[in-house]
Amino acid sequence: RAEEASATASLRLFEPEADPDAAEFAGRVEAALNELPTE
């Protein structure tokens, strides 16, 4: 269930950024990491 949830749930690894470019970058990195298998 954790592996299935990782495909749909977003894990917040970064705090919201005031800089829109940094926020966009952080969002893309989070999305990419959340697509990876747990290992």
Full PDB file with SEQRES, HELIX, SHEET, SSBOND, CRYST1, ORIGX, SCALE, CONECT and MASTER records, all heavy atoms in Angstrom:
SEQRES   1 A   39  ARG ALA GLU GLU ALA SER ALA THR ALA SER LEU ARG LEU          
SEQRES   2 A   39  PHE GLU PRO GLU ALA ASP PRO ASP ALA ALA GLU PHE ALA          
SEQRES   3 A   39  GLY ARG VAL GLU ALA ALA LEU ASN GLU LEU PRO THR GLU          
HELIX    1 AA1 ALA A    2  THR A    8  1                                   7    
HELIX    2 AA2 PRO A   20  GLU A   35  1                                  16    
CRYST1    1.000    1.000    1.000  90.00  90.00  90.00 P 1           1          
ORIGX1      1.000000  0.000000  0.000000        0.00000                         
ORIGX2      0.000000  1.000000  0.000000        0.00000                         
ORIGX3      0.000000  0.000000  1.000000        0.00000                         
SCALE1      1.000000  0.000000  0.000000        0.00000                         
SCALE2      0.000000  1.000000  0.000000        0.00000                         
SCALE3      0.000000  0.000000  1.000000        0.00000                         
ATOM      1  N   ARG A   1       0.827  -1.212   0.000  1.00  0.00           N  
ATOM      2  CA  ARG A   1       0.000   0.000   0.000  1.00  0.00           C  
ATOM      3  C   ARG A   1       0.858   1.258   0.000  1.00  0.00           C  
ATOM      4  O   ARG A   1       0.510   2.245  -0.632  1.00  0.00           O  
ATOM      5  CB  ARG A   1      -0.945  -0.007   1.195  1.00  0.00           C  
ATOM      6  CG  ARG A   1      -2.118  -0.952   0.980  1.00  0.00           C  
ATOM      7  CD  ARG A   1      -3.030  -0.932   2.154  1.00  0.00           C  
ATOM      8  NE  ARG A   1      -2.421  -1.817   3.152  1.00  0.00           N  
ATOM      9  CZ  ARG A   1      -2.724  -1.849   4.421  1.00  0.00           C  
ATOM     10  NH1 ARG A   1      -3.629  -1.034   4.894  1.00  0.00           N  
ATOM     11  NH2 ARG A   1      -2.134  -2.670   5.250  1.00  0.00           N  
ATOM     12  N   ALA A   2       2.002   1.237   0.693  1.00  0.00           N  
ATOM     13  CA  ALA A   2       2.886   2.400   0.712  1.00  0.00           C  
ATOM     14  C   ALA A   2       3.466   2.667  -0.667  1.00  0.00           C  
ATOM     15  O   ALA A   2       3.568   3.814  -1.097  1.00  0.00           O  
ATOM     16  CB  ALA A   2       4.003   2.200   1.725  1.00  0.00           C  
ATOM     17  N   GLU A   3       3.833   1.605  -1.367  1.00  0.00           N  
ATOM     18  CA  GLU A   3       4.373   1.786  -2.716  1.00  0.00           C  
ATOM     19  C   GLU A   3       3.304   2.290  -3.673  1.00  0.00           C  
ATOM     20  O   GLU A   3       3.574   3.131  -4.529  1.00  0.00           O  
ATOM     21  CB  GLU A   3       4.977   0.475  -3.209  1.00  0.00           C  
ATOM     22  CG  GLU A   3       6.251   0.111  -2.486  1.00  0.00           C  
ATOM     23  CD  GLU A   3       6.771  -1.261  -2.838  1.00  0.00           C  
ATOM     24  OE1 GLU A   3       6.090  -2.012  -3.569  1.00  0.00           O  
ATOM     25  OE2 GLU A   3       7.875  -1.585  -2.373  1.00  0.00           O  
ATOM     26  N   GLU A   4       2.085   1.782  -3.536  1.00  0.00           N  
ATOM     27  CA  GLU A   4       0.989   2.273  -4.378  1.00  0.00           C  
ATOM     28  C   GLU A   4       0.667   3.724  -4.060  1.00  0.00           C  
ATOM     29  O   GLU A   4       0.421   4.520  -4.958  1.00  0.00           O  
ATOM     30  CB  GLU A   4      -0.248   1.405  -4.180  1.00  0.00           C  
ATOM     31  CG  GLU A   4      -0.100   0.006  -4.724  1.00  0.00           C  
ATOM     32  CD  GLU A   4      -1.239  -0.917  -4.305  1.00  0.00           C  
ATOM     33  OE1 GLU A   4      -2.136  -0.490  -3.546  1.00  0.00           O  
ATOM     34  OE2 GLU A   4      -1.223  -2.069  -4.743  1.00  0.00           O  
ATOM     35  N   ALA A   5       0.682   4.054  -2.773  1.00  0.00           N  
ATOM     36  CA  ALA A   5       0.383   5.428  -2.372  1.00  0.00           C  
ATOM     37  C   ALA A   5       1.464   6.389  -2.857  1.00  0.00           C  
ATOM     38  O   ALA A   5       1.179   7.545  -3.152  1.00  0.00           O  
ATOM     39  CB  ALA A   5       0.237   5.524  -0.861  1.00  0.00           C  
ATOM     40  N   SER A   6       2.716   5.912  -2.938  1.00  0.00           N  
ATOM     41  CA  SER A   6       3.795   6.798  -3.367  1.00  0.00           C  
ATOM     42  C   SER A   6       3.601   7.257  -4.806  1.00  0.00           C  
ATOM     43  O   SER A   6       4.098   8.298  -5.204  1.00  0.00           O  
ATOM     44  CB  SER A   6       5.153   6.124  -3.205  1.00  0.00           C  
ATOM     45  OG  SER A   6       5.320   5.106  -4.160  1.00  0.00           O  
ATOM     46  N   ALA A   7       2.874   6.471  -5.575  1.00  0.00           N  
ATOM     47  CA  ALA A   7       2.628   6.856  -6.968  1.00  0.00           C  
ATOM     48  C   ALA A   7       1.632   8.010  -7.058  1.00  0.00           C  
ATOM     49  O   ALA A   7       1.663   8.782  -8.008  1.00  0.00           O  
ATOM     50  CB  ALA A   7       2.109   5.665  -7.760  1.00  0.00           C  
ATOM     51  N   THR A   8       0.776   8.142  -6.055  1.00  0.00           N  
ATOM     52  CA  THR A   8      -0.248   9.182  -6.108  1.00  0.00           C  
ATOM     53  C   THR A   8      -0.059  10.279  -5.070  1.00  0.00           C  
ATOM     54  O   THR A   8      -0.479  11.401  -5.294  1.00  0.00           O  
ATOM     55  CB  THR A   8      -1.650   8.568  -5.907  1.00  0.00           C  
ATOM     56  OG1 THR A   8      -1.685   7.890  -4.645  1.00  0.00           O  
ATOM     57  CG2 THR A   8      -1.969   7.591  -7.027  1.00  0.00           C  
ATOM     58  N   ALA A   9       0.583   9.954  -3.945  1.00  0.00           N  
ATOM     59  CA  ALA A   9       0.735  10.942  -2.871  1.00  0.00           C  
ATOM     60  C   ALA A   9       1.979  11.779  -3.118  1.00  0.00           C  
ATOM     61  O   ALA A   9       2.987  11.293  -3.596  1.00  0.00           O  
ATOM     62  CB  ALA A   9       0.840  10.250  -1.521  1.00  0.00           C  
ATOM     63  N   SER A  10       1.885  13.028  -2.774  1.00  0.00           N  
ATOM     64  CA  SER A  10       3.022  13.929  -2.905  1.00  0.00           C  
ATOM     65  C   SER A  10       3.652  14.123  -1.539  1.00  0.00           C  
ATOM     66  O   SER A  10       2.988  14.504  -0.587  1.00  0.00           O  
ATOM     67  CB  SER A  10       2.556  15.280  -3.459  1.00  0.00           C  
ATOM     68  OG  SER A  10       3.636  16.175  -3.497  1.00  0.00           O  
ATOM     69  N   LEU A  11       4.934  13.866  -1.449  1.00  0.00           N  
ATOM     70  CA  LEU A  11       5.671  14.023  -0.201  1.00  0.00           C  
ATOM     71  C   LEU A  11       6.335  15.394  -0.220  1.00  0.00           C  
ATOM     72  O   LEU A  11       7.103  15.692  -1.132  1.00  0.00           O  
ATOM     73  CB  LEU A  11       6.717  12.915  -0.072  1.00  0.00           C  
ATOM     74  CG  LEU A  11       7.638  12.975   1.118  1.00  0.00           C  
ATOM     75  CD1 LEU A  11       6.823  12.815   2.406  1.00  0.00           C  
ATOM     76  CD2 LEU A  11       8.664  11.868   1.028  1.00  0.00           C  
ATOM     77  N   ARG A  12       6.051  16.211   0.763  1.00  0.00           N  
ATOM     78  CA  ARG A  12       6.624  17.546   0.821  1.00  0.00           C  
ATOM     79  C   ARG A  12       8.031  17.472   1.391  1.00  0.00           C  
ATOM     80  O   ARG A  12       8.215  17.274   2.571  1.00  0.00           O  
ATOM     81  CB  ARG A  12       5.774  18.468   1.697  1.00  0.00           C  
ATOM     82  CG  ARG A  12       4.374  18.728   1.190  1.00  0.00           C  
ATOM     83  CD  ARG A  12       4.302  19.465  -0.107  1.00  0.00           C  
ATOM     84  NE  ARG A  12       4.971  20.737  -0.040  1.00  0.00           N  
ATOM     85  CZ  ARG A  12       5.331  21.436  -1.081  1.00  0.00           C  
ATOM     86  NH1 ARG A  12       5.078  21.014  -2.279  1.00  0.00           N  
ATOM     87  NH2 ARG A  12       5.954  22.577  -0.941  1.00  0.00           N  
ATOM     88  N   LEU A  13       9.040  17.619   0.534  1.00  0.00           N  
ATOM     89  CA  LEU A  13      10.423  17.609   0.970  1.00  0.00           C  
ATOM     90  C   LEU A  13      10.980  19.012   1.124  1.00  0.00           C  
ATOM     91  O   LEU A  13      11.985  19.210   1.764  1.00  0.00           O  
ATOM     92  CB  LEU A  13      11.293  16.835  -0.027  1.00  0.00           C  
ATOM     93  CG  LEU A  13      10.981  15.357  -0.155  1.00  0.00           C  
ATOM     94  CD1 LEU A  13      11.825  14.750  -1.265  1.00  0.00           C  
ATOM     95  CD2 LEU A  13      11.233  14.636   1.146  1.00  0.00           C  
ATOM     96  N   PHE A  14      10.310  19.980   0.516  1.00  0.00           N  
ATOM     97  CA  PHE A  14      10.778  21.343   0.570  1.00  0.00           C  
ATOM     98  C   PHE A  14       9.703  22.218   1.215  1.00  0.00           C  
ATOM     99  O   PHE A  14       8.515  21.993   1.042  1.00  0.00           O  
ATOM    100  CB  PHE A  14      11.046  21.900  -0.836  1.00  0.00           C  
ATOM    101  CG  PHE A  14      12.082  21.130  -1.596  1.00  0.00           C  
ATOM    102  CD1 PHE A  14      11.721  20.178  -2.529  1.00  0.00           C  
ATOM    103  CD2 PHE A  14      13.427  21.361  -1.363  1.00  0.00           C  
ATOM    104  CE1 PHE A  14      12.676  19.478  -3.228  1.00  0.00           C  
ATOM    105  CE2 PHE A  14      14.386  20.663  -2.060  1.00  0.00           C  
ATOM    106  CZ  PHE A  14      14.013  19.724  -2.996  1.00  0.00           C  
ATOM    107  N   GLU A  15      10.139  23.209   1.934  1.00  0.00           N  
ATOM    108  CA  GLU A  15       9.209  24.203   2.459  1.00  0.00           C  
ATOM    109  C   GLU A  15       8.839  25.153   1.316  1.00  0.00           C  
ATOM    110  O   GLU A  15       9.627  25.355   0.391  1.00  0.00           O  
ATOM    111  CB  GLU A  15       9.863  24.997   3.597  1.00  0.00           C  
ATOM    112  CG  GLU A  15      10.129  24.173   4.834  1.00  0.00           C  
ATOM    113  CD  GLU A  15       8.870  23.586   5.438  1.00  0.00           C  
ATOM    114  OE1 GLU A  15       7.844  24.283   5.499  1.00  0.00           O  
ATOM    115  OE2 GLU A  15       8.908  22.414   5.828  1.00  0.00           O  
ATOM    116  N   PRO A  16       7.644  25.729   1.360  1.00  0.00           N  
ATOM    117  CA  PRO A  16       7.269  26.673   0.299  1.00  0.00           C  
ATOM    118  C   PRO A  16       8.292  27.811   0.205  1.00  0.00           C  
ATOM    119  O   PRO A  16       8.765  28.312   1.214  1.00  0.00           O  
ATOM    120  CB  PRO A  16       5.909  27.216   0.755  1.00  0.00           C  
ATOM    121  CG  PRO A  16       5.392  26.183   1.703  1.00  0.00           C  
ATOM    122  CD  PRO A  16       6.596  25.544   2.333  1.00  0.00           C  
ATOM    123  N   GLU A  17       8.615  28.188  -0.996  1.00  0.00           N  
ATOM    124  CA  GLU A  17       9.613  29.216  -1.244  1.00  0.00           C  
ATOM    125  C   GLU A  17       8.927  30.519  -1.658  1.00  0.00           C  
ATOM    126  O   GLU A  17       7.910  30.504  -2.342  1.00  0.00           O  
ATOM    127  CB  GLU A  17      10.556  28.779  -2.372  1.00  0.00           C  
ATOM    128  CG  GLU A  17      11.379  27.568  -2.034  1.00  0.00           C  
ATOM    129  CD  GLU A  17      12.530  27.891  -1.100  1.00  0.00           C  
ATOM    130  OE1 GLU A  17      12.935  29.069  -1.015  1.00  0.00           O  
ATOM    131  OE2 GLU A  17      13.007  26.964  -0.446  1.00  0.00           O  
ATOM    132  N   ALA A  18       9.518  31.632  -1.261  1.00  0.00           N  
ATOM    133  CA  ALA A  18       9.005  32.926  -1.680  1.00  0.00           C  
ATOM    134  C   ALA A  18       9.337  33.184  -3.146  1.00  0.00           C  
ATOM    135  O   ALA A  18       8.598  33.847  -3.854  1.00  0.00           O  
ATOM    136  CB  ALA A  18       9.584  34.032  -0.801  1.00  0.00           C  
ATOM    137  N   ASP A  19      10.451  32.657  -3.602  1.00  0.00           N  
ATOM    138  CA  ASP A  19      10.895  32.822  -4.980  1.00  0.00           C  
ATOM    139  C   ASP A  19      10.107  31.855  -5.872  1.00  0.00           C  
ATOM    140  O   ASP A  19      10.188  30.643  -5.704  1.00  0.00           O  
ATOM    141  CB  ASP A  19      12.391  32.528  -5.055  1.00  0.00           C  
ATOM    142  CG  ASP A  19      12.956  32.628  -6.461  1.00  0.00           C  
ATOM    143  OD1 ASP A  19      12.212  33.030  -7.378  1.00  0.00           O  
ATOM    144  OD2 ASP A  19      14.144  32.307  -6.629  1.00  0.00           O  
ATOM    145  N   PRO A  20       9.343  32.348  -6.835  1.00  0.00           N  
ATOM    146  CA  PRO A  20       8.535  31.464  -7.677  1.00  0.00           C  
ATOM    147  C   PRO A  20       9.378  30.452  -8.466  1.00  0.00           C  
ATOM    148  O   PRO A  20       8.953  29.329  -8.671  1.00  0.00           O  
ATOM    149  CB  PRO A  20       7.790  32.395  -8.615  1.00  0.00           C  
ATOM    150  CG  PRO A  20       8.134  33.775  -8.243  1.00  0.00           C  
ATOM    151  CD  PRO A  20       9.158  33.739  -7.167  1.00  0.00           C  
ATOM    152  N   ASP A  21      10.573  30.852  -8.901  1.00  0.00           N  
ATOM    153  CA  ASP A  21      11.424  29.916  -9.627  1.00  0.00           C  
ATOM    154  C   ASP A  21      11.883  28.784  -8.715  1.00  0.00           C  
ATOM    155  O   ASP A  21      11.909  27.624  -9.127  1.00  0.00           O  
ATOM    156  CB  ASP A  21      12.644  30.629 -10.220  1.00  0.00           C  
ATOM    157  CG  ASP A  21      12.262  31.571 -11.354  1.00  0.00           C  
ATOM    158  OD1 ASP A  21      11.227  31.323 -12.007  1.00  0.00           O  
ATOM    159  OD2 ASP A  21      12.996  32.551 -11.584  1.00  0.00           O  
ATOM    160  N   ALA A  22      12.247  29.127  -7.487  1.00  0.00           N  
ATOM    161  CA  ALA A  22      12.669  28.104  -6.530  1.00  0.00           C  
ATOM    162  C   ALA A  22      11.501  27.192  -6.186  1.00  0.00           C  
ATOM    163  O   ALA A  22      11.676  25.976  -6.055  1.00  0.00           O  
ATOM    164  CB  ALA A  22      13.226  28.753  -5.267  1.00  0.00           C  
ATOM    165  N   ALA A  23      10.310  27.752  -6.059  1.00  0.00           N  
ATOM    166  CA  ALA A  23       9.131  26.943  -5.760  1.00  0.00           C  
ATOM    167  C   ALA A  23       8.821  25.989  -6.913  1.00  0.00           C  
ATOM    168  O   ALA A  23       8.489  24.820  -6.691  1.00  0.00           O  
ATOM    169  CB  ALA A  23       7.934  27.849  -5.479  1.00  0.00           C  
ATOM    170  N   GLU A  24       8.955  26.481  -8.126  1.00  0.00           N  
ATOM    171  CA  GLU A  24       8.728  25.633  -9.306  1.00  0.00           C  
ATOM    172  C   GLU A  24       9.751  24.508  -9.363  1.00  0.00           C  
ATOM    173  O   GLU A  24       9.413  23.351  -9.608  1.00  0.00           O  
ATOM    174  CB  GLU A  24       8.802  26.475 -10.585  1.00  0.00           C  
ATOM    175  CG  GLU A  24       8.702  25.691 -11.869  1.00  0.00           C  
ATOM    176  CD  GLU A  24       7.328  25.080 -12.111  1.00  0.00           C  
ATOM    177  OE1 GLU A  24       6.339  25.546 -11.507  1.00  0.00           O  
ATOM    178  OE2 GLU A  24       7.250  24.119 -12.898  1.00  0.00           O  
ATOM    179  N   PHE A  25      11.017  24.844  -9.122  1.00  0.00           N  
ATOM    180  CA  PHE A  25      12.074  23.840  -9.120  1.00  0.00           C  
ATOM    181  C   PHE A  25      11.824  22.793  -8.034  1.00  0.00           C  
ATOM    182  O   PHE A  25      11.911  21.585  -8.288  1.00  0.00           O  
ATOM    183  CB  PHE A  25      13.438  24.500  -8.915  1.00  0.00           C  
ATOM    184  CG  PHE A  25      14.561  23.516  -8.803  1.00  0.00           C  
ATOM    185  CD1 PHE A  25      15.048  22.859  -9.926  1.00  0.00           C  
ATOM    186  CD2 PHE A  25      15.135  23.240  -7.569  1.00  0.00           C  
ATOM    187  CE1 PHE A  25      16.082  21.943  -9.820  1.00  0.00           C  
ATOM    188  CE2 PHE A  25      16.165  22.326  -7.465  1.00  0.00           C  
ATOM    189  CZ  PHE A  25      16.649  21.675  -8.584  1.00  0.00           C  
ATOM    190  N   ALA A  26      11.499  23.245  -6.824  1.00  0.00           N  
ATOM    191  CA  ALA A  26      11.242  22.322  -5.714  1.00  0.00           C  
ATOM    192  C   ALA A  26      10.068  21.404  -6.035  1.00  0.00           C  
ATOM    193  O   ALA A  26      10.110  20.202  -5.759  1.00  0.00           O  
ATOM    194  CB  ALA A  26      10.966  23.107  -4.429  1.00  0.00           C  
ATOM    195  N   GLY A  27       9.036  21.946  -6.649  1.00  0.00           N  
ATOM    196  CA  GLY A  27       7.878  21.136  -7.030  1.00  0.00           C  
ATOM    197  C   GLY A  27       8.232  20.075  -8.054  1.00  0.00           C  
ATOM    198  O   GLY A  27       7.769  18.932  -7.970  1.00  0.00           O  
ATOM    199  N   ARG A  28       9.057  20.429  -9.009  1.00  0.00           N  
ATOM    200  CA  ARG A  28       9.471  19.458 -10.032  1.00  0.00           C  
ATOM    201  C   ARG A  28      10.366  18.368  -9.446  1.00  0.00           C  
ATOM    202  O   ARG A  28      10.242  17.198  -9.811  1.00  0.00           O  
ATOM    203  CB  ARG A  28      10.175  20.169 -11.187  1.00  0.00           C  
ATOM    204  CG  ARG A  28       9.219  20.962 -12.045  1.00  0.00           C  
ATOM    205  CD  ARG A  28       9.926  21.610 -13.197  1.00  0.00           C  
ATOM    206  NE  ARG A  28       8.988  22.437 -13.938  1.00  0.00           N  
ATOM    207  CZ  ARG A  28       9.136  22.720 -15.216  1.00  0.00           C  
ATOM    208  NH1 ARG A  28      10.160  22.250 -15.894  1.00  0.00           N  
ATOM    209  NH2 ARG A  28       8.249  23.476 -15.823  1.00  0.00           N  
ATOM    210  N   VAL A  29      11.265  18.763  -8.548  1.00  0.00           N  
ATOM    211  CA  VAL A  29      12.129  17.767  -7.905  1.00  0.00           C  
ATOM    212  C   VAL A  29      11.284  16.814  -7.063  1.00  0.00           C  
ATOM    213  O   VAL A  29      11.462  15.598  -7.111  1.00  0.00           O  
ATOM    214  CB  VAL A  29      13.227  18.441  -7.052  1.00  0.00           C  
ATOM    215  CG1 VAL A  29      13.969  17.424  -6.195  1.00  0.00           C  
ATOM    216  CG2 VAL A  29      14.213  19.179  -7.945  1.00  0.00           C  
ATOM    217  N   GLU A  30      10.343  17.362  -6.292  1.00  0.00           N  
ATOM    218  CA  GLU A  30       9.452  16.517  -5.484  1.00  0.00           C  
ATOM    219  C   GLU A  30       8.663  15.549  -6.354  1.00  0.00           C  
ATOM    220  O   GLU A  30       8.549  14.370  -6.034  1.00  0.00           O  
ATOM    221  CB  GLU A  30       8.475  17.389  -4.694  1.00  0.00           C  
ATOM    222  CG  GLU A  30       9.068  17.985  -3.465  1.00  0.00           C  
ATOM    223  CD  GLU A  30       8.031  18.770  -2.681  1.00  0.00           C  
ATOM    224  OE1 GLU A  30       6.888  18.291  -2.556  1.00  0.00           O  
ATOM    225  OE2 GLU A  30       8.380  19.851  -2.202  1.00  0.00           O  
ATOM    226  N   ALA A  31       8.115  16.056  -7.444  1.00  0.00           N  
ATOM    227  CA  ALA A  31       7.328  15.194  -8.334  1.00  0.00           C  
ATOM    228  C   ALA A  31       8.199  14.085  -8.914  1.00  0.00           C  
ATOM    229  O   ALA A  31       7.783  12.921  -8.976  1.00  0.00           O  
ATOM    230  CB  ALA A  31       6.710  16.027  -9.457  1.00  0.00           C  
ATOM    231  N   ALA A  32       9.409  14.425  -9.301  1.00  0.00           N  
ATOM    232  CA  ALA A  32      10.318  13.417  -9.858  1.00  0.00           C  
ATOM    233  C   ALA A  32      10.681  12.380  -8.803  1.00  0.00           C  
ATOM    234  O   ALA A  32      10.683  11.175  -9.074  1.00  0.00           O  
ATOM    235  CB  ALA A  32      11.577  14.090 -10.400  1.00  0.00           C  
ATOM    236  N   LEU A  33      10.978  12.820  -7.590  1.00  0.00           N  
ATOM    237  CA  LEU A  33      11.325  11.874  -6.527  1.00  0.00           C  
ATOM    238  C   LEU A  33      10.148  10.978  -6.163  1.00  0.00           C  
ATOM    239  O   LEU A  33      10.325   9.797  -5.876  1.00  0.00           O  
ATOM    240  CB  LEU A  33      11.815  12.622  -5.283  1.00  0.00           C  
ATOM    241  CG  LEU A  33      13.219  13.203  -5.383  1.00  0.00           C  
ATOM    242  CD1 LEU A  33      13.535  14.062  -4.169  1.00  0.00           C  
ATOM    243  CD2 LEU A  33      14.253  12.103  -5.536  1.00  0.00           C  
ATOM    244  N   ASN A  34       8.956  11.525  -6.184  1.00  0.00           N  
ATOM    245  CA  ASN A  34       7.775  10.732  -5.842  1.00  0.00           C  
ATOM    246  C   ASN A  34       7.459   9.664  -6.884  1.00  0.00           C  
ATOM    247  O   ASN A  34       6.739   8.721  -6.601  1.00  0.00           O  
ATOM    248  CB  ASN A  34       6.559  11.629  -5.611  1.00  0.00           C  
ATOM    249  CG  ASN A  34       6.624  12.318  -4.272  1.00  0.00           C  
ATOM    250  OD1 ASN A  34       7.157  11.777  -3.313  1.00  0.00           O  
ATOM    251  ND2 ASN A  34       6.094  13.515  -4.198  1.00  0.00           N  
ATOM    252  N   GLU A  35       8.010   9.803  -8.084  1.00  0.00           N  
ATOM    253  CA  GLU A  35       7.812   8.796  -9.117  1.00  0.00           C  
ATOM    254  C   GLU A  35       8.775   7.625  -8.973  1.00  0.00           C  
ATOM    255  O   GLU A  35       8.557   6.574  -9.562  1.00  0.00           O  
ATOM    256  CB  GLU A  35       7.984   9.421 -10.506  1.00  0.00           C  
ATOM    257  CG  GLU A  35       6.867  10.388 -10.859  1.00  0.00           C  
ATOM    258  CD  GLU A  35       7.059  11.029 -12.230  1.00  0.00           C  
ATOM    259  OE1 GLU A  35       7.893  10.529 -13.015  1.00  0.00           O  
ATOM    260  OE2 GLU A  35       6.382  12.023 -12.503  1.00  0.00           O  
ATOM    261  N   LEU A  36       9.830   7.804  -8.178  1.00  0.00           N  
ATOM    262  CA  LEU A  36      10.821   6.744  -8.011  1.00  0.00           C  
ATOM    263  C   LEU A  36      10.301   5.640  -7.098  1.00  0.00           C  
ATOM    264  O   LEU A  36       9.522   5.908  -6.172  1.00  0.00           O  
ATOM    265  CB  LEU A  36      12.106   7.313  -7.382  1.00  0.00           C  
ATOM    266  CG  LEU A  36      12.900   8.302  -8.212  1.00  0.00           C  
ATOM    267  CD1 LEU A  36      14.055   8.856  -7.386  1.00  0.00           C  
ATOM    268  CD2 LEU A  36      13.419   7.652  -9.478  1.00  0.00           C  
ATOM    269  N   PRO A  37      10.755   4.406  -7.312  1.00  0.00           N  
ATOM    270  CA  PRO A  37      10.452   3.341  -6.362  1.00  0.00           C  
ATOM    271  C   PRO A  37      11.068   3.676  -4.999  1.00  0.00           C  
ATOM    272  O   PRO A  37      12.053   4.419  -4.923  1.00  0.00           O  
ATOM    273  CB  PRO A  37      11.117   2.105  -6.966  1.00  0.00           C  
ATOM    274  CG  PRO A  37      11.359   2.440  -8.396  1.00  0.00           C  
ATOM    275  CD  PRO A  37      11.496   3.935  -8.461  1.00  0.00           C  
ATOM    276  N   THR A  38      10.509   3.129  -3.942  1.00  0.00           N  
ATOM    277  CA  THR A  38      10.958   3.431  -2.580  1.00  0.00           C  
ATOM    278  C   THR A  38      12.455   3.218  -2.420  1.00  0.00           C  
ATOM    279  O   THR A  38      13.139   4.047  -1.812  1.00  0.00           O  
ATOM    280  CB  THR A  38      10.180   2.574  -1.566  1.00  0.00           C  
ATOM    281  OG1 THR A  38       8.793   2.840  -1.715  1.00  0.00           O  
ATOM    282  CG2 THR A  38      10.606   2.881  -0.146  1.00  0.00           C  
ATOM    283  N   GLU A  39      12.993   2.127  -2.962  1.00  0.00           N  
ATOM    284  CA  GLU A  39      14.410   1.824  -2.792  1.00  0.00           C  
ATOM    285  C   GLU A  39      15.291   2.920  -3.387  1.00  0.00           C  
ATOM    286  O   GLU A  39      16.280   3.322  -2.791  1.00  0.00           O  
ATOM    287  CB  GLU A  39      14.770   0.476  -3.442  1.00  0.00           C  
ATOM    288  CG  GLU A  39      14.128  -0.716  -2.784  1.00  0.00           C  
ATOM    289  CD  GLU A  39      12.703  -0.987  -3.271  1.00  0.00           C  
ATOM    290  OE1 GLU A  39      12.280  -0.376  -4.283  1.00  0.00           O  
ATOM    291  OE2 GLU A  39      12.018  -1.796  -2.626  1.00  0.00           O  
TER     292      GLU A  39                                                      
MASTER        0    0    0    2    0    0    0    6  291    1    0    3          
END                                                                             
